[in-house]
Amino acid sequence: MSNSLQWADAIKSQSKVFNPMGKGKTAPISPCDIAAVAAVALTSSGHEEKTYGLTGAESLSTPEQVEILSKVVGKPIECVDIPVEVAVERAVASGLPEVLVKSLAELWVQIRKESYTFRTNEVERLTGQPAQTFETWCREHRSAFV
């Protein structure tokens, strides 16, 4: 979910989010949920040498996330679809390391093709609490976008 913070400047200056992932969906997770799982894994037994695929509880496309965020901040935000190549150029120009940009581009392509549909209930299973919704996270971080 905190990856959405990268949209803050464009939202503030242009009321836009530039999206290389099309309508493909991901299951964004709150850092608080990751921390809650880490706390359980580090303070209770039975987690040694285990890995957990952590995701948020809901699968959302970027346009759906932008719609939620727009509602929370109380202003229209346009989700602008851009080609992966354009997103790569922007990422390189912003100074991101090329190896990271290459990995991001591969992920964006998979999400755009809607072949990256991965969602688990591991947060709730391990912590006993449902994973935070994107809308709740947006409400908690609203000030970053206004």
C-alpha atoms as a PDB file:
ATOM      1  CA  MET A   1       0.000   0.000   0.000  1.00  0.00           C
ATOM      2  CA  SER A   2       2.793   2.398   0.825  1.00  0.00           C
ATOM      3  CA  ASN A   3       3.926   2.154  -2.814  1.00  0.00           C
ATOM      4  CA  SER A   4       0.950   4.431  -3.488  1.00  0.00           C
ATOM      5  CA  LEU A   5       2.870   7.238  -1.810  1.00  0.00           C
ATOM      6  CA  GLN A   6       4.864   7.545  -5.046  1.00  0.00           C
ATOM      7  CA  TRP A   7       1.686   8.997  -6.568  1.00  0.00           C
ATOM      8  CA  ALA A   8       1.520  11.881  -4.080  1.00  0.00           C
ATOM      9  CA  ASP A   9       3.372  14.534  -6.112  1.00  0.00           C
ATOM     10  CA  ALA A  10       1.413  13.865  -9.315  1.00  0.00           C
ATOM     11  CA  ILE A  11      -1.851  13.842  -7.381  1.00  0.00           C
ATOM     12  CA  LYS A  12      -1.038  17.136  -5.676  1.00  0.00           C
ATOM     13  CA  SER A  13       0.192  18.889  -8.832  1.00  0.00           C
ATOM     14  CA  GLN A  14      -1.933  17.310 -11.596  1.00  0.00           C
ATOM     15  CA  SER A  15      -4.662  15.236  -9.911  1.00  0.00           C
ATOM     16  CA  LYS A  16      -3.334  12.266 -11.896  1.00  0.00           C
ATOM     17  CA  VAL A  17      -1.809   8.841 -11.361  1.00  0.00           C
ATOM     18  CA  PHE A  18       0.242   7.381 -14.221  1.00  0.00           C
ATOM     19  CA  ASN A  19      -0.364   3.641 -14.419  1.00  0.00           C
ATOM     20  CA  PRO A  20       1.775   1.110 -16.339  1.00  0.00           C
ATOM     21  CA  MET A  21      -0.230  -1.889 -15.092  1.00  0.00           C
ATOM     22  CA  GLY A  22      -3.482  -1.433 -16.977  1.00  0.00           C
ATOM     23  CA  LYS A  23      -6.428  -3.120 -15.292  1.00  0.00           C
ATOM     24  CA  GLY A  24      -4.363  -5.930 -13.808  1.00  0.00           C
ATOM     25  CA  LYS A  25      -4.911  -6.519 -10.124  1.00  0.00           C
ATOM     26  CA  THR A  26      -2.631  -6.884  -7.148  1.00  0.00           C
ATOM     27  CA  ALA A  27      -3.387  -7.357  -3.449  1.00  0.00           C
ATOM     28  CA  PRO A  28      -1.616  -4.421  -1.789  1.00  0.00           C
ATOM     29  CA  ILE A  29      -0.605  -4.950   1.832  1.00  0.00           C
ATOM     30  CA  SER A  30      -0.168  -2.474   4.646  1.00  0.00           C
ATOM     31  CA  PRO A  31       3.271  -2.273   6.277  1.00  0.00           C
ATOM     32  CA  CYS A  32       1.392  -2.558   9.598  1.00  0.00           C
ATOM     33  CA  ASP A  33       0.161  -6.007   8.567  1.00  0.00           C
ATOM     34  CA  ILE A  34       3.666  -7.050   7.581  1.00  0.00           C
ATOM     35  CA  ALA A  35       4.928  -5.853  10.967  1.00  0.00           C
ATOM     36  CA  ALA A  36       2.134  -7.720  12.780  1.00  0.00           C
ATOM     37  CA  VAL A  37       3.072 -10.968  11.037  1.00  0.00           C
ATOM     38  CA  ALA A  38       6.758 -10.356  11.777  1.00  0.00           C
ATOM     39  CA  ALA A  39       5.941  -9.831  15.458  1.00  0.00           C
ATOM     40  CA  VAL A  40       4.062 -13.139  15.595  1.00  0.00           C
ATOM     41  CA  ALA A  41       6.818 -14.991  13.742  1.00  0.00           C
ATOM     42  CA  LEU A  42       9.541 -13.556  15.981  1.00  0.00           C
ATOM     43  CA  THR A  43       7.778 -14.000  19.318  1.00  0.00           C
ATOM     44  CA  SER A  44       6.113 -17.387  18.993  1.00  0.00           C
ATOM     45  CA  SER A  45       7.357 -20.824  18.112  1.00  0.00           C
ATOM     46  CA  GLY A  46       6.642 -22.814  14.983  1.00  0.00           C
ATOM     47  CA  HIS A  47       7.805 -20.274  12.420  1.00  0.00           C
ATOM     48  CA  GLU A  48      11.420 -21.368  12.163  1.00  0.00           C
ATOM     49  CA  GLU A  49      12.574 -21.841   8.560  1.00  0.00           C
ATOM     50  CA  LYS A  50       9.111 -20.935   7.221  1.00  0.00           C
ATOM     51  CA  THR A  51       8.198 -18.362   4.639  1.00  0.00           C
ATOM     52  CA  TYR A  52       4.832 -16.711   4.186  1.00  0.00           C
ATOM     53  CA  GLY A  53       3.351 -15.163   1.073  1.00  0.00           C
ATOM     54  CA  LEU A  54       1.834 -12.004   2.486  1.00  0.00           C
ATOM     55  CA  THR A  55      -0.748  -9.935   0.629  1.00  0.00           C
ATOM     56  CA  GLY A  56      -3.595  -7.669   1.469  1.00  0.00           C
ATOM     57  CA  ALA A  57      -7.113  -9.047   1.700  1.00  0.00           C
ATOM     58  CA  GLU A  58      -8.457  -7.512  -1.508  1.00  0.00           C
ATOM     59  CA  SER A  59      -7.368  -7.665  -5.131  1.00  0.00           C
ATOM     60  CA  LEU A  60      -7.503  -4.213  -6.720  1.00  0.00           C
ATOM     61  CA  SER A  61      -6.434  -2.715 -10.019  1.00  0.00           C
ATOM     62  CA  THR A  62      -4.645   0.628 -10.016  1.00  0.00           C
ATOM     63  CA  PRO A  63      -7.786   2.341 -11.394  1.00  0.00           C
ATOM     64  CA  GLU A  64      -9.749   0.862  -8.470  1.00  0.00           C
ATOM     65  CA  GLN A  65      -7.119   2.038  -5.986  1.00  0.00           C
ATOM     66  CA  VAL A  66      -7.181   5.519  -7.522  1.00  0.00           C
ATOM     67  CA  GLU A  67     -10.982   5.581  -7.275  1.00  0.00           C
ATOM     68  CA  ILE A  68     -10.781   4.709  -3.563  1.00  0.00           C
ATOM     69  CA  LEU A  69      -8.077   7.295  -2.966  1.00  0.00           C
ATOM     70  CA  SER A  70     -10.074   9.918  -4.862  1.00  0.00           C
ATOM     71  CA  LYS A  71     -13.047   9.299  -2.593  1.00  0.00           C
ATOM     72  CA  VAL A  72     -10.879   9.532   0.525  1.00  0.00           C
ATOM     73  CA  VAL A  73      -9.129  12.783  -0.461  1.00  0.00           C
ATOM     74  CA  GLY A  74     -12.373  14.271  -1.732  1.00  0.00           C
ATOM     75  CA  LYS A  75     -11.267  15.281  -5.200  1.00  0.00           C
ATOM     76  CA  PRO A  76     -11.263  13.665  -8.628  1.00  0.00           C
ATOM     77  CA  ILE A  77      -8.024  11.889  -9.516  1.00  0.00           C
ATOM     78  CA  GLU A  78      -7.512  10.661 -13.060  1.00  0.00           C
ATOM     79  CA  CYS A  79      -5.823   7.310 -13.612  1.00  0.00           C
ATOM     80  CA  VAL A  80      -3.820   7.643 -16.838  1.00  0.00           C
ATOM     81  CA  ASP A  81      -2.796   4.403 -18.529  1.00  0.00           C
ATOM     82  CA  ILE A  82       0.779   4.596 -19.843  1.00  0.00           C
ATOM     83  CA  PRO A  83       2.876   2.011 -21.690  1.00  0.00           C
ATOM     84  CA  VAL A  84       5.387   0.067 -19.618  1.00  0.00           C
ATOM     85  CA  GLU A  85       8.165   1.558 -21.763  1.00  0.00           C
ATOM     86  CA  VAL A  86       7.165   5.079 -20.741  1.00  0.00           C
ATOM     87  CA  ALA A  87       7.113   4.063 -17.073  1.00  0.00           C
ATOM     88  CA  VAL A  88      10.586   2.566 -17.508  1.00  0.00           C
ATOM     89  CA  GLU A  89      11.892   5.815 -19.026  1.00  0.00           C
ATOM     90  CA  ARG A  90      10.412   7.820 -16.143  1.00  0.00           C
ATOM     91  CA  ALA A  91      11.849   5.457 -13.539  1.00  0.00           C
ATOM     92  CA  VAL A  92      15.326   5.620 -15.066  1.00  0.00           C
ATOM     93  CA  ALA A  93      15.107   9.422 -15.328  1.00  0.00           C
ATOM     94  CA  SER A  94      14.136   9.605 -11.650  1.00  0.00           C
ATOM     95  CA  GLY A  95      17.373   7.856 -10.739  1.00  0.00           C
ATOM     96  CA  LEU A  96      16.181   4.368  -9.863  1.00  0.00           C
ATOM     97  CA  PRO A  97      18.867   1.708 -10.391  1.00  0.00           C
ATOM     98  CA  GLU A  98      18.546  -0.078 -13.729  1.00  0.00           C
ATOM     99  CA  VAL A  99      18.378  -3.518 -12.114  1.00  0.00           C
ATOM    100  CA  LEU A 100      15.372  -2.365 -10.060  1.00  0.00           C
ATOM    101  CA  VAL A 101      13.714  -0.774 -13.094  1.00  0.00           C
ATOM    102  CA  LYS A 102      14.167  -3.991 -15.074  1.00  0.00           C
ATOM    103  CA  SER A 103      12.500  -6.003 -12.310  1.00  0.00           C
ATOM    104  CA  LEU A 104       9.672  -3.484 -12.026  1.00  0.00           C
ATOM    105  CA  ALA A 105       9.117  -3.561 -15.784  1.00  0.00           C
ATOM    106  CA  GLU A 106       8.839  -7.356 -15.738  1.00  0.00           C
ATOM    107  CA  LEU A 107       6.332  -7.140 -12.876  1.00  0.00           C
ATOM    108  CA  TRP A 108       4.306  -4.398 -14.610  1.00  0.00           C
ATOM    109  CA  VAL A 109       4.084  -6.514 -17.771  1.00  0.00           C
ATOM    110  CA  GLN A 110       2.824  -9.529 -15.803  1.00  0.00           C
ATOM    111  CA  ILE A 111       0.270  -7.437 -13.933  1.00  0.00           C
ATOM    112  CA  ARG A 112      -0.865  -5.742 -17.164  1.00  0.00           C
ATOM    113  CA  LYS A 113      -1.382  -9.186 -18.740  1.00  0.00           C
ATOM    114  CA  GLU A 114      -3.437 -10.091 -15.660  1.00  0.00           C
ATOM    115  CA  SER A 115      -1.211 -13.095 -15.055  1.00  0.00           C
ATOM    116  CA  TYR A 116      -0.130 -11.926 -11.602  1.00  0.00           C
ATOM    117  CA  THR A 117      -3.159 -12.695  -9.483  1.00  0.00           C
ATOM    118  CA  PHE A 118      -1.714 -13.588  -6.109  1.00  0.00           C
ATOM    119  CA  ARG A 119      -3.697 -13.163  -2.900  1.00  0.00           C
ATOM    120  CA  THR A 120      -3.494 -14.996   0.405  1.00  0.00           C
ATOM    121  CA  ASN A 121      -5.133 -14.866   3.810  1.00  0.00           C
ATOM    122  CA  GLU A 122      -1.846 -15.353   5.655  1.00  0.00           C
ATOM    123  CA  VAL A 123      -2.140 -12.090   7.620  1.00  0.00           C
ATOM    124  CA  GLU A 124      -5.437 -13.131   9.176  1.00  0.00           C
ATOM    125  CA  ARG A 125      -4.366 -16.742   9.634  1.00  0.00           C
ATOM    126  CA  LEU A 126      -1.179 -15.760  11.455  1.00  0.00           C
ATOM    127  CA  THR A 127      -2.355 -12.728  13.429  1.00  0.00           C
ATOM    128  CA  GLY A 128      -6.012 -13.537  13.970  1.00  0.00           C
ATOM    129  CA  GLN A 129      -6.923 -10.130  12.532  1.00  0.00           C
ATOM    130  CA  PRO A 130      -8.056  -9.368   8.976  1.00  0.00           C
ATOM    131  CA  ALA A 131      -5.610  -7.499   6.788  1.00  0.00           C
ATOM    132  CA  GLN A 132      -6.190  -3.770   6.545  1.00  0.00           C
ATOM    133  CA  THR A 133      -8.214  -2.562   3.574  1.00  0.00           C
ATOM    134  CA  PHE A 134      -6.754  -0.135   1.068  1.00  0.00           C
ATOM    135  CA  GLU A 135      -9.432   2.394   1.971  1.00  0.00           C
ATOM    136  CA  THR A 136      -8.454   2.295   5.646  1.00  0.00           C
ATOM    137  CA  TRP A 137      -4.786   2.754   4.725  1.00  0.00           C
ATOM    138  CA  CYS A 138      -5.722   5.715   2.501  1.00  0.00           C
ATOM    139  CA  ARG A 139      -7.660   7.345   5.340  1.00  0.00           C
ATOM    140  CA  GLU A 140      -4.644   6.951   7.624  1.00  0.00           C
ATOM    141  CA  HIS A 141      -2.339   8.534   5.000  1.00  0.00           C
ATOM    142  CA  ARG A 142      -4.732  11.067   3.487  1.00  0.00           C
ATOM    143  CA  SER A 143      -2.500  14.030   4.395  1.00  0.00           C
ATOM    144  CA  ALA A 144       0.227  12.744   2.053  1.00  0.00           C
ATOM    145  CA  PHE A 145      -2.069  13.260  -0.943  1.00  0.00           C
ATOM    146  CA  VAL A 146      -3.677  16.643  -0.240  1.00  0.00           C
END
